[in-house]
């Protein structure tokens, strides 16, 4: 009997051992996709969040996810090390600042054919936006389809323009003059800017097609397909002269050319976004604001390439990584988890008190991943606010919530669909033949930018000085090289 019991016990142990090995092997078969993001560092509740996300992803597409969030201050250096040392990863955030260089190093996988395996991406992201991420006809990145066009707004302090409703029809720098002058006389406040000035003076009109040199570009609207010295064009010079008039009239802060920051209550500022973003802009200013659109919405490689996800050329699971990106761009649960954190810890789902629409109510500000780096805005659940009863209105017995209209669809998507595309959309400039000239001219522009783009300096003096210095460093060679490449691209 003892011998029989011993034999049965041995069989049970063997069966148990194989069962454990089988479960372990099963777990080992689930690939883990490592994704490098940028933000405020690794969230405190990352482990509990990951457990929920892994269970969801395992059921949906058979993978787990390892998110590594690098802090903003460390991102540039850390990204360079990851790329240059071929550190193992699957997905990485990138933008136009480093994308082309990293592709030229062979860092990222060619997704041109692979994306055919993830139809959710090609159905969600417009073809032109994918084309804007191509290099030599090959796709190496998936853009985050969000405010991928660029719309600039004049941002007015609401109280100051209460008696000037004409602000809503002011869409150019020339238009704002009478309103700004009246508000300045009434309040003493000014058009507030830092040493970067108003880049939209150029950016709304000319695309510098990824050169990083705003003094070279191609017009969005001329139809000439000609690359020009932007600051010598009459439409730009007219705006610069207007800005100089405002500065001389005391309508712009006197330290604009050297100020590192421009914050606080002011008459006017400029910001990129969409109308509903005014709430956040007002919070940053410390008072409610209203907006009027500054010229037209434009679309270029640079506007699309503000946020992209690339897959490592060395990834062992490129298709699985692409399927993660497909799910992020088509599945609201996963999109919300990346953008807002862990349900019940960082946020909770609530319903609008009147419409019943679902919204996200943030329980804290502890979630540190940057949402704009992850994927589309259009499958994210909107943020809700607590309902605040009007004065004299009886407070509800329990918390009630308000979910706004879908500004991503009603505002951002409409802007994207109506944007003026650059004639150079999809054109990638190879700066290698003129790299030295480009670097020298970029350094010269940095010296003059504060004077010229804030209205501080006389553009009829400072622009010729800047362009003379640039031409001495080979500016015209850059223009000629860019035009040659652009003509070849058009012909192809």
Protein backbone atom coordinates (compact mmCIF):
# COMPACT_ATOMS: atom_id res chain seq x y z
CA UNK A 1 0.00 0.00 0.00
CA UNK A 2 2.79 2.41 0.92
CA UNK A 3 4.51 1.58 -2.38
CA UNK A 4 1.28 2.32 -4.30
CA UNK A 5 0.82 5.65 -2.50
CA UNK A 6 4.43 6.60 -3.26
CA UNK A 7 3.91 5.82 -6.95
CA UNK A 8 0.68 7.87 -7.06
CA UNK A 9 2.40 10.79 -5.35
CA UNK A 10 5.24 10.66 -7.90
CA UNK A 11 2.74 10.70 -10.79
CA UNK A 12 0.95 13.72 -9.28
CA UNK A 13 4.27 15.57 -8.91
CA UNK A 14 5.27 14.83 -12.51
CA UNK A 15 1.86 15.94 -13.83
CA UNK A 16 2.06 19.11 -11.72
CA UNK A 17 5.58 19.82 -12.97
CA UNK A 18 4.51 19.51 -16.61
CA UNK A 19 1.45 21.62 -15.96
CA UNK A 20 3.66 24.38 -14.52
CA UNK A 21 6.10 24.08 -17.39
CA UNK A 22 3.22 24.23 -19.84
CA UNK A 23 1.80 27.37 -18.26
CA UNK A 24 5.26 28.95 -18.21
CA UNK A 25 5.85 28.08 -21.85
CA UNK A 26 2.46 29.56 -22.72
CA UNK A 27 3.37 32.81 -20.97
CA UNK A 28 6.73 32.87 -22.72
CA UNK A 29 4.94 32.60 -26.07
CA UNK A 30 3.24 35.97 -25.52
CA UNK A 31 5.53 38.64 -26.97
CA UNK A 32 6.12 41.79 -24.97
CA UNK A 33 6.18 44.99 -27.03
CA UNK A 34 8.51 47.63 -25.57
CA UNK A 35 7.40 51.19 -26.30
CA UNK A 36 9.56 54.23 -25.50
CA UNK A 37 7.46 57.33 -24.82
CA UNK A 38 8.16 60.78 -23.49
CA UNK A 39 6.41 62.52 -20.60
CA UNK A 40 6.93 63.08 -16.91
CA UNK A 41 8.68 59.80 -16.19
CA UNK A 42 7.32 56.41 -15.18
CA UNK A 43 3.90 56.63 -13.42
CA UNK A 44 3.76 55.62 -9.75
CA UNK A 45 0.94 53.13 -10.39
CA UNK A 46 2.56 51.69 -13.52
CA UNK A 47 2.57 48.06 -12.33
CA UNK A 48 -1.16 47.88 -11.56
CA UNK A 49 -1.95 49.75 -14.80
CA UNK A 50 0.25 47.36 -16.79
CA UNK A 51 -1.49 44.29 -15.35
CA UNK A 52 -4.86 45.52 -16.63
CA UNK A 53 -3.49 46.59 -20.01
CA UNK A 54 -1.64 43.31 -20.49
CA UNK A 55 -4.78 41.30 -19.78
CA UNK A 56 -6.70 43.38 -22.32
CA UNK A 57 -4.00 43.19 -25.01
CA UNK A 58 -3.50 39.47 -24.47
CA UNK A 59 -7.16 38.87 -25.17
CA UNK A 60 -7.32 41.29 -28.12
CA UNK A 61 -4.09 40.67 -30.05
CA UNK A 62 -2.00 38.25 -28.00
CA UNK A 63 0.71 40.60 -26.70
CA UNK A 64 1.85 42.35 -23.54
CA UNK A 65 3.13 45.94 -23.33
CA UNK A 66 6.20 47.38 -21.62
CA UNK A 67 6.01 51.18 -21.62
CA UNK A 68 9.18 53.10 -20.80
CA UNK A 69 8.37 56.78 -20.21
CA UNK A 70 11.44 59.04 -20.42
CA UNK A 71 11.21 62.46 -18.80
CA UNK A 72 11.21 65.52 -21.03
CA UNK A 73 14.60 66.73 -19.84
CA UNK A 74 16.28 63.40 -20.53
CA UNK A 75 14.50 62.53 -23.75
CA UNK A 76 16.92 63.99 -26.33
CA UNK A 77 20.04 62.36 -24.92
CA UNK A 78 18.30 59.09 -24.04
CA UNK A 79 16.72 58.77 -27.48
CA UNK A 80 20.11 59.29 -29.14
CA UNK A 81 21.71 56.56 -27.02
CA UNK A 82 18.86 54.11 -27.72
CA UNK A 83 19.12 54.66 -31.47
CA UNK A 84 22.89 54.79 -31.77
CA UNK A 85 23.55 51.72 -29.62
CA UNK A 86 20.67 49.73 -31.15
CA UNK A 87 19.19 49.18 -27.70
CA UNK A 88 16.33 46.64 -27.89
CA UNK A 89 12.85 48.15 -28.25
CA UNK A 90 9.85 47.81 -30.55
CA UNK A 91 8.12 51.20 -30.76
CA UNK A 92 9.54 54.68 -30.23
CA UNK A 93 8.03 58.16 -30.29
CA UNK A 94 9.74 60.55 -32.67
CA UNK A 95 9.14 63.85 -34.44
CA UNK A 96 10.52 65.87 -37.33
CA UNK A 97 13.54 67.01 -35.33
CA UNK A 98 15.25 63.61 -35.45
CA UNK A 99 13.15 61.46 -37.77
CA UNK A 100 15.05 61.84 -41.05
CA UNK A 101 18.46 61.46 -39.42
CA UNK A 102 17.40 58.30 -37.60
CA UNK A 103 15.92 56.81 -40.78
CA UNK A 104 19.17 57.54 -42.61
CA UNK A 105 21.00 55.66 -39.84
CA UNK A 106 18.82 52.63 -40.50
CA UNK A 107 17.16 52.80 -37.09
CA UNK A 108 13.55 52.21 -38.14
CA UNK A 109 11.73 49.43 -39.96
CA UNK A 110 10.25 49.96 -43.43
CA UNK A 111 6.47 49.74 -42.90
CA UNK A 112 5.43 50.23 -46.53
CA UNK A 113 4.28 46.64 -47.02
CA UNK A 114 3.67 45.72 -43.39
CA UNK A 115 0.97 48.35 -42.94
CA UNK A 116 -1.19 46.37 -45.38
CA UNK A 117 -1.57 43.85 -42.53
CA UNK A 118 -3.19 46.48 -40.29
CA UNK A 119 -6.11 47.95 -42.26
CA UNK A 120 -7.31 49.83 -39.18
CA UNK A 121 -4.43 52.24 -39.63
CA UNK A 122 -4.96 52.94 -43.31
CA UNK A 123 -8.69 53.36 -42.75
CA UNK A 124 -8.15 55.75 -39.82
CA UNK A 125 -5.23 57.90 -40.99
CA UNK A 126 -5.65 59.90 -44.23
CA UNK A 127 -3.38 58.84 -47.07
CA UNK A 128 -1.77 62.30 -47.33
CA UNK A 129 -0.73 62.11 -43.68
CA UNK A 130 0.97 58.77 -44.20
CA UNK A 131 2.62 60.17 -47.33
CA UNK A 132 3.98 63.07 -45.29
CA UNK A 133 5.98 60.51 -43.29
CA UNK A 134 7.49 58.77 -46.31
CA UNK A 135 11.17 59.06 -47.16
CA UNK A 136 12.19 58.11 -50.71
CA UNK A 137 8.77 56.56 -51.18
CA UNK A 138 9.01 54.34 -48.11
CA UNK A 139 7.01 54.63 -44.89
CA UNK A 140 8.97 54.48 -41.63
CA UNK A 141 6.50 56.01 -39.14
CA UNK A 142 2.84 56.08 -38.17
CA UNK A 143 1.71 59.65 -37.50
CA UNK A 144 -0.60 60.43 -34.61
CA UNK A 145 -3.71 61.65 -36.42
CA UNK A 146 -4.75 64.58 -34.24
CA UNK A 147 -4.33 68.34 -34.79
CA UNK A 148 -2.03 67.34 -37.63
CA UNK A 149 -2.68 70.53 -39.56
CA UNK A 150 -1.69 73.89 -38.06
CA UNK A 151 -4.15 76.59 -37.09
CA UNK A 152 -3.02 79.70 -35.24
CA UNK A 153 -5.27 81.86 -33.07
CA UNK A 154 -5.19 85.36 -31.69
CA UNK A 155 -5.92 84.85 -27.98
CA UNK A 156 -7.61 87.87 -26.36
CA UNK A 157 -8.26 88.46 -22.67
CA UNK A 158 -12.06 88.17 -22.61
CA UNK A 159 -12.71 91.04 -20.22
CA UNK A 160 -10.64 93.42 -22.34
CA UNK A 161 -12.60 92.87 -25.56
CA UNK A 162 -16.08 92.79 -24.01
CA UNK A 163 -16.72 96.20 -25.63
CA UNK A 164 -14.87 95.28 -28.83
CA UNK A 165 -16.81 92.43 -30.44
CA UNK A 166 -15.06 93.18 -33.73
CA UNK A 167 -12.13 91.12 -32.38
CA UNK A 168 -13.95 88.03 -33.71
CA UNK A 169 -13.48 89.28 -37.29
CA UNK A 170 -9.78 90.13 -36.87
CA UNK A 171 -7.82 87.45 -38.74
CA UNK A 172 -4.62 89.21 -39.82
CA UNK A 173 -1.97 91.28 -38.11
CA UNK A 174 -3.30 94.36 -39.89
CA UNK A 175 -6.84 93.64 -38.63
CA UNK A 176 -5.91 93.59 -34.94
CA UNK A 177 -4.30 97.06 -34.86
CA UNK A 178 -7.31 99.25 -33.96
CA UNK A 179 -8.59 96.77 -31.37
CA UNK A 180 -5.16 96.31 -29.78
CA UNK A 181 -4.63 100.07 -29.62
CA UNK A 182 -8.01 100.64 -27.96
CA UNK A 183 -7.46 97.86 -25.42
CA UNK A 184 -3.97 99.18 -24.64
CA UNK A 185 -5.34 102.67 -23.97
CA UNK A 186 -8.01 101.22 -21.68
CA UNK A 187 -5.86 98.71 -19.75
CA UNK A 188 -2.20 99.47 -20.38
CA UNK A 189 -1.65 95.83 -21.36
CA UNK A 190 0.06 94.78 -24.59
CA UNK A 191 0.57 92.08 -27.22
CA UNK A 192 2.80 89.81 -25.12
CA UNK A 193 5.52 87.66 -26.67
CA UNK A 194 8.93 86.17 -25.95
CA UNK A 195 12.07 86.24 -28.09
CA UNK A 196 10.67 83.64 -30.49
CA UNK A 197 8.20 86.26 -31.61
CA UNK A 198 5.35 85.37 -33.94
CA UNK A 199 6.58 82.45 -36.03
CA UNK A 200 3.16 82.27 -37.71
CA UNK A 201 4.12 85.33 -39.77
CA UNK A 202 6.14 82.90 -41.86
CA UNK A 203 4.61 79.56 -40.90
CA UNK A 204 1.09 80.49 -42.06
CA UNK A 205 2.38 81.38 -45.52
CA UNK A 206 5.48 79.32 -46.32
CA UNK A 207 6.53 75.73 -45.74
CA UNK A 208 10.26 75.29 -44.97
CA UNK A 209 9.88 71.54 -45.76
CA UNK A 210 11.82 70.30 -42.75
CA UNK A 211 14.98 72.36 -43.23
CA UNK A 212 14.72 73.98 -39.80
CA UNK A 213 15.53 77.27 -41.56
CA UNK A 214 12.50 79.61 -41.68
CA UNK A 215 14.21 81.94 -44.16
CA UNK A 216 13.72 79.41 -46.97
CA UNK A 217 10.35 78.07 -48.07
CA UNK A 218 7.64 77.49 -50.62
CA UNK A 219 4.32 79.32 -50.66
CA UNK A 220 1.20 77.41 -49.69
CA UNK A 221 -0.94 79.37 -52.14
CA UNK A 222 1.10 80.90 -54.99
CA UNK A 223 1.00 77.79 -57.14
CA UNK A 224 4.47 78.55 -58.49
CA UNK A 225 6.36 75.59 -56.95
CA UNK A 226 9.25 77.98 -56.41
CA UNK A 227 11.51 77.90 -53.36
CA UNK A 228 12.22 81.44 -52.23
CA UNK A 229 13.99 83.53 -49.56
CA UNK A 230 10.92 83.93 -47.37
CA UNK A 231 11.82 87.13 -45.51
CA UNK A 232 12.30 88.98 -48.79
CA UNK A 233 8.73 88.26 -49.93
CA UNK A 234 6.31 91.18 -49.84
CA UNK A 235 3.57 89.36 -47.90
CA UNK A 236 6.01 88.59 -45.09
CA UNK A 237 7.65 92.02 -45.15
CA UNK A 238 4.23 93.68 -44.89
CA UNK A 239 3.51 91.77 -41.67
CA UNK A 240 6.96 92.50 -40.26
CA UNK A 241 6.50 96.22 -40.92
CA UNK A 242 3.12 96.10 -39.19
CA UNK A 243 4.70 94.43 -36.17
CA UNK A 244 7.41 97.11 -36.08
CA UNK A 245 4.73 99.81 -36.08
CA UNK A 246 3.02 98.10 -33.14
CA UNK A 247 6.29 97.89 -31.26
CA UNK A 248 7.07 101.58 -31.81
CA UNK A 249 3.55 102.45 -30.61
CA UNK A 250 4.15 100.57 -27.35
CA UNK A 251 1.66 97.83 -28.19
CA UNK A 252 4.25 95.03 -27.77
CA UNK A 253 6.24 94.37 -24.60
CA UNK A 254 9.52 96.25 -24.76
CA UNK A 255 11.62 93.24 -23.71
CA UNK A 256 10.14 90.90 -26.32
CA UNK A 257 13.42 90.45 -28.24
CA UNK A 258 15.23 89.06 -25.18
CA UNK A 259 12.44 87.61 -23.00
CA UNK A 260 12.72 83.86 -22.37
CA UNK A 261 9.08 83.61 -21.27
CA UNK A 262 5.88 85.53 -21.86
CA UNK A 263 3.26 84.64 -19.26
CA UNK A 264 0.48 86.31 -17.33
CA UNK A 265 -2.52 88.49 -18.09
CA UNK A 266 -2.09 90.53 -21.27
CA UNK A 267 -4.19 92.06 -24.03
CA UNK A 268 -3.26 89.52 -26.68
CA UNK A 269 -1.15 86.48 -27.52
CA UNK A 270 -0.92 83.86 -30.28
CA UNK A 271 -1.34 80.09 -29.87
CA UNK A 272 -1.72 77.04 -32.07
CA UNK A 273 -4.69 74.74 -31.56
CA UNK A 274 -8.47 74.79 -31.97
CA UNK A 275 -11.26 76.96 -30.53
CA UNK A 276 -12.04 74.80 -27.49
CA UNK A 277 -8.37 74.93 -26.50
CA UNK A 278 -9.16 78.45 -25.30
CA UNK A 279 -10.17 77.03 -21.92
CA UNK A 280 -6.63 75.75 -21.31
CA UNK A 281 -5.05 78.90 -22.70
CA UNK A 282 -7.15 80.95 -20.29
CA UNK A 283 -6.06 78.82 -17.36
CA UNK A 284 -2.44 79.41 -18.38
CA UNK A 285 -3.01 83.15 -18.59
CA UNK A 286 -4.92 83.29 -15.32
CA UNK A 287 -8.17 84.64 -16.78
CA UNK A 288 -10.81 83.65 -19.37
CA UNK A 289 -9.89 84.26 -23.00
CA UNK A 290 -11.60 84.36 -26.39
CA UNK A 291 -10.06 83.64 -29.78
CA UNK A 292 -10.12 84.60 -33.43
CA UNK A 293 -8.36 82.54 -36.10
CA UNK A 294 -5.08 83.98 -37.39
CA UNK A 295 -5.10 83.44 -41.19
CA UNK A 296 -5.62 79.99 -42.75
CA UNK A 297 -5.11 76.42 -41.58
CA UNK A 298 -2.13 74.79 -43.32
CA UNK A 299 -0.83 71.25 -43.72
CA UNK A 300 2.80 70.23 -44.25
CA UNK A 301 5.27 67.47 -43.47
CA UNK A 302 6.29 69.39 -40.36
CA UNK A 303 2.74 69.70 -39.02
CA UNK A 304 2.10 65.98 -39.55
CA UNK A 305 5.49 64.93 -38.20
CA UNK A 306 4.96 66.59 -34.83
CA UNK A 307 4.17 63.17 -33.36
CA UNK A 308 5.00 59.79 -34.89
CA UNK A 309 5.57 56.22 -33.76
CA UNK A 310 8.38 54.23 -35.37
CA UNK A 311 9.19 50.53 -35.12
CA UNK A 312 12.77 49.45 -34.56
CA UNK A 313 14.54 47.93 -37.55
CA UNK A 314 15.79 45.31 -35.06
CA UNK A 315 12.39 44.51 -33.54
CA UNK A 316 11.69 40.77 -33.29
CA UNK A 317 7.95 41.46 -33.46
CA UNK A 318 7.35 44.25 -36.01
CA UNK A 319 3.88 43.05 -37.03
CA UNK A 320 2.77 42.69 -33.41
CA UNK A 321 4.12 46.19 -32.70
CA UNK A 322 2.17 47.56 -35.65
CA UNK A 323 -0.96 45.79 -34.37
CA UNK A 324 -0.50 47.58 -31.03
CA UNK A 325 -0.46 50.89 -32.92
CA UNK A 326 -3.50 49.82 -34.90
CA UNK A 327 -5.38 49.08 -31.67
CA UNK A 328 -4.33 52.37 -30.09
CA UNK A 329 -5.78 54.19 -33.11
CA UNK A 330 -9.04 52.23 -33.25
CA UNK A 331 -9.87 51.09 -29.68
CA UNK A 332 -11.13 53.66 -27.16
CA UNK A 333 -10.42 51.54 -24.09
CA UNK A 334 -6.72 51.22 -24.89
CA UNK A 335 -6.47 54.82 -26.08
CA UNK A 336 -7.99 56.05 -22.82
CA UNK A 337 -5.69 53.82 -20.76
CA UNK A 338 -2.60 55.32 -22.41
CA UNK A 339 -3.87 58.89 -22.29
CA UNK A 340 -5.52 58.98 -18.86
CA UNK A 341 -4.06 56.08 -16.87
CA UNK A 342 -5.75 53.48 -14.71
CA UNK A 343 -9.50 53.53 -14.30
CA UNK A 344 -10.44 53.92 -10.64
CA UNK A 345 -6.99 55.29 -9.79
CA UNK A 346 -6.27 58.13 -12.23
CA UNK A 347 -9.75 58.61 -13.70
CA UNK A 348 -13.28 57.32 -13.76
CA UNK A 349 -15.92 57.12 -16.46
CA UNK A 350 -18.93 59.39 -15.83
CA UNK A 351 -22.08 60.37 -17.73
CA UNK A 352 -23.27 63.82 -18.75
CA UNK A 353 -26.15 64.88 -16.53
CA UNK A 354 -28.34 65.81 -19.52
CA UNK A 355 -27.22 63.81 -22.56
CA UNK A 356 -25.92 60.66 -20.90
CA UNK A 357 -22.74 60.89 -22.98
CA UNK A 358 -19.73 59.12 -21.42
CA UNK A 359 -16.78 61.24 -20.35
CA UNK A 360 -13.55 60.85 -18.41
CA UNK A 361 -13.27 62.60 -15.07
CA UNK A 362 -9.70 62.86 -13.83
CA UNK A 363 -9.25 61.91 -10.18
CA UNK A 364 -5.75 63.39 -10.04
CA UNK A 365 -2.92 64.67 -12.21
CA UNK A 366 -0.58 61.78 -11.46
CA UNK A 367 -0.63 60.16 -14.91
CA UNK A 368 2.63 61.16 -16.59
CA UNK A 369 2.50 59.81 -20.17
CA UNK A 370 2.15 62.48 -22.86
CA UNK A 371 -1.10 61.69 -24.71
CA UNK A 372 -0.18 63.49 -27.92
CA UNK A 373 2.74 61.09 -28.51
CA UNK A 374 0.61 57.94 -28.56
CA UNK A 375 -1.96 58.02 -31.35
CA UNK A 376 -5.09 59.63 -32.71
CA UNK A 377 -7.25 62.01 -30.70
CA UNK A 378 -10.39 60.85 -32.44
CA UNK A 379 -10.98 57.66 -30.44
CA UNK A 380 -10.28 59.25 -27.03
CA UNK A 381 -13.12 59.75 -24.58
CA UNK A 382 -13.56 63.45 -23.81
CA UNK A 383 -12.75 64.92 -20.41
CA UNK A 384 -15.75 65.79 -18.26
CA UNK A 385 -16.09 68.50 -15.60
CA UNK A 386 -18.19 68.55 -12.46
CA UNK A 387 -21.43 70.46 -12.83
CA UNK A 388 -21.41 73.71 -10.86
CA UNK A 389 -24.93 75.05 -10.15
CA UNK A 390 -25.57 78.70 -10.95
CA UNK A 391 -25.95 81.22 -8.15
CA UNK A 392 -29.28 80.66 -6.42
CA UNK A 393 -29.70 77.22 -8.01
CA UNK A 394 -30.11 74.31 -5.63
CA UNK A 395 -27.05 72.05 -5.52
CA UNK A 396 -27.65 68.45 -6.67
CA UNK A 397 -27.71 65.71 -4.03
CA UNK A 398 -24.67 64.05 -5.61
CA UNK A 399 -21.97 64.96 -8.08
CA UNK A 400 -23.15 65.57 -11.63
CA UNK A 401 -20.96 65.91 -14.69
CA UNK A 402 -20.84 67.80 -17.97
CA UNK A 403 -19.29 66.24 -21.08
CA UNK A 404 -18.50 68.79 -23.82
CA UNK A 405 -19.42 68.39 -27.46
CA UNK A 406 -16.79 66.42 -29.34
CA UNK A 407 -14.36 69.20 -30.22
CA UNK A 408 -11.89 66.68 -31.62
CA UNK A 409 -14.38 65.76 -34.34
CA UNK A 410 -16.25 69.09 -34.61
CA UNK A 411 -13.20 71.34 -34.56
CA UNK A 412 -9.88 69.51 -34.98
CA UNK A 413 -11.00 67.10 -37.68
CA UNK A 414 -12.79 69.88 -39.56
CA UNK A 415 -9.60 71.95 -39.50
CA UNK A 416 -7.61 69.00 -40.83
CA UNK A 417 -10.08 68.38 -43.63
CA UNK A 418 -10.11 72.03 -44.70
CA UNK A 419 -6.39 72.75 -44.38
CA UNK A 420 -4.43 74.22 -47.27
CA UNK A 421 -1.82 71.57 -48.16
CA UNK A 422 1.74 72.51 -48.97
CA UNK A 423 2.83 71.78 -52.53
CA UNK A 424 5.80 70.08 -50.86
CA UNK A 425 3.66 67.65 -48.82
CA UNK A 426 5.58 64.37 -48.99
CA UNK A 427 8.81 65.97 -50.22
CA UNK A 428 11.79 65.16 -48.02
CA UNK A 429 14.81 67.43 -48.45
CA UNK A 430 18.22 65.77 -48.24
CA UNK A 431 20.33 68.43 -46.52
CA UNK A 432 23.57 66.45 -46.79
CA UNK A 433 25.02 68.38 -49.80
CA UNK A 434 24.55 71.73 -48.00
CA UNK A 435 24.75 70.68 -44.35
CA UNK A 436 27.49 73.19 -43.45
CA UNK A 437 25.72 76.08 -45.15
CA UNK A 438 22.44 75.15 -43.50
CA UNK A 439 23.98 75.00 -40.01
CA UNK A 440 25.64 78.39 -40.50
CA UNK A 441 22.42 80.02 -41.70
CA UNK A 442 20.42 78.50 -38.84
CA UNK A 443 22.88 80.07 -36.39
CA UNK A 444 22.51 83.46 -38.11
CA UNK A 445 18.72 83.26 -38.00
CA UNK A 446 18.88 82.54 -34.26
CA UNK A 447 20.77 85.84 -33.83
CA UNK A 448 18.19 87.90 -35.73
CA UNK A 449 14.95 86.08 -34.84
CA UNK A 450 14.23 88.08 -31.71
CA UNK A 451 14.70 91.42 -33.46
CA UNK A 452 12.70 90.58 -36.56
CA UNK A 453 9.81 88.38 -35.35
CA UNK A 454 8.88 90.54 -32.35
CA UNK A 455 8.70 93.84 -34.23
CA UNK A 456 11.61 95.21 -32.20
CA UNK A 457 13.90 95.81 -35.19
CA UNK A 458 13.13 97.65 -38.42
CA UNK A 459 12.63 94.89 -40.98
CA UNK A 460 13.85 97.12 -43.79
CA UNK A 461 17.19 97.26 -41.98
CA UNK A 462 17.44 93.94 -40.14
CA UNK A 463 16.19 91.62 -42.91
CA UNK A 464 18.81 92.85 -45.44
CA UNK A 465 21.49 92.53 -42.75
CA UNK A 466 20.41 88.98 -41.96
CA UNK A 467 20.20 87.93 -45.58
CA UNK A 468 23.59 89.44 -46.39
CA UNK A 469 25.14 87.44 -43.55
CA UNK A 470 23.38 84.27 -44.74
CA UNK A 471 24.39 84.71 -48.35
CA UNK A 472 27.99 85.02 -47.25
CA UNK A 473 27.56 81.54 -45.71
CA UNK A 474 25.99 79.91 -48.77
CA UNK A 475 22.25 80.65 -48.45
CA UNK A 476 21.76 80.77 -52.21
CA UNK A 477 23.42 77.37 -52.53
CA UNK A 478 20.80 75.95 -50.15
CA UNK A 479 17.99 77.45 -52.26
CA UNK A 480 19.48 76.06 -55.47
CA UNK A 481 19.96 72.58 -53.99
CA UNK A 482 16.45 72.53 -52.56
CA UNK A 483 14.92 73.67 -55.84
CA UNK A 484 16.84 71.01 -57.75
CA UNK A 485 15.66 68.25 -55.40
CA UNK A 486 12.10 69.56 -55.39
CA UNK A 487 11.95 69.70 -59.20
CA UNK A 488 13.22 66.12 -59.37
CA UNK A 489 10.60 65.04 -56.82
CA UNK A 490 7.82 66.73 -58.80
CA UNK A 491 9.03 65.08 -61.99
CA UNK A 492 9.10 61.69 -60.29
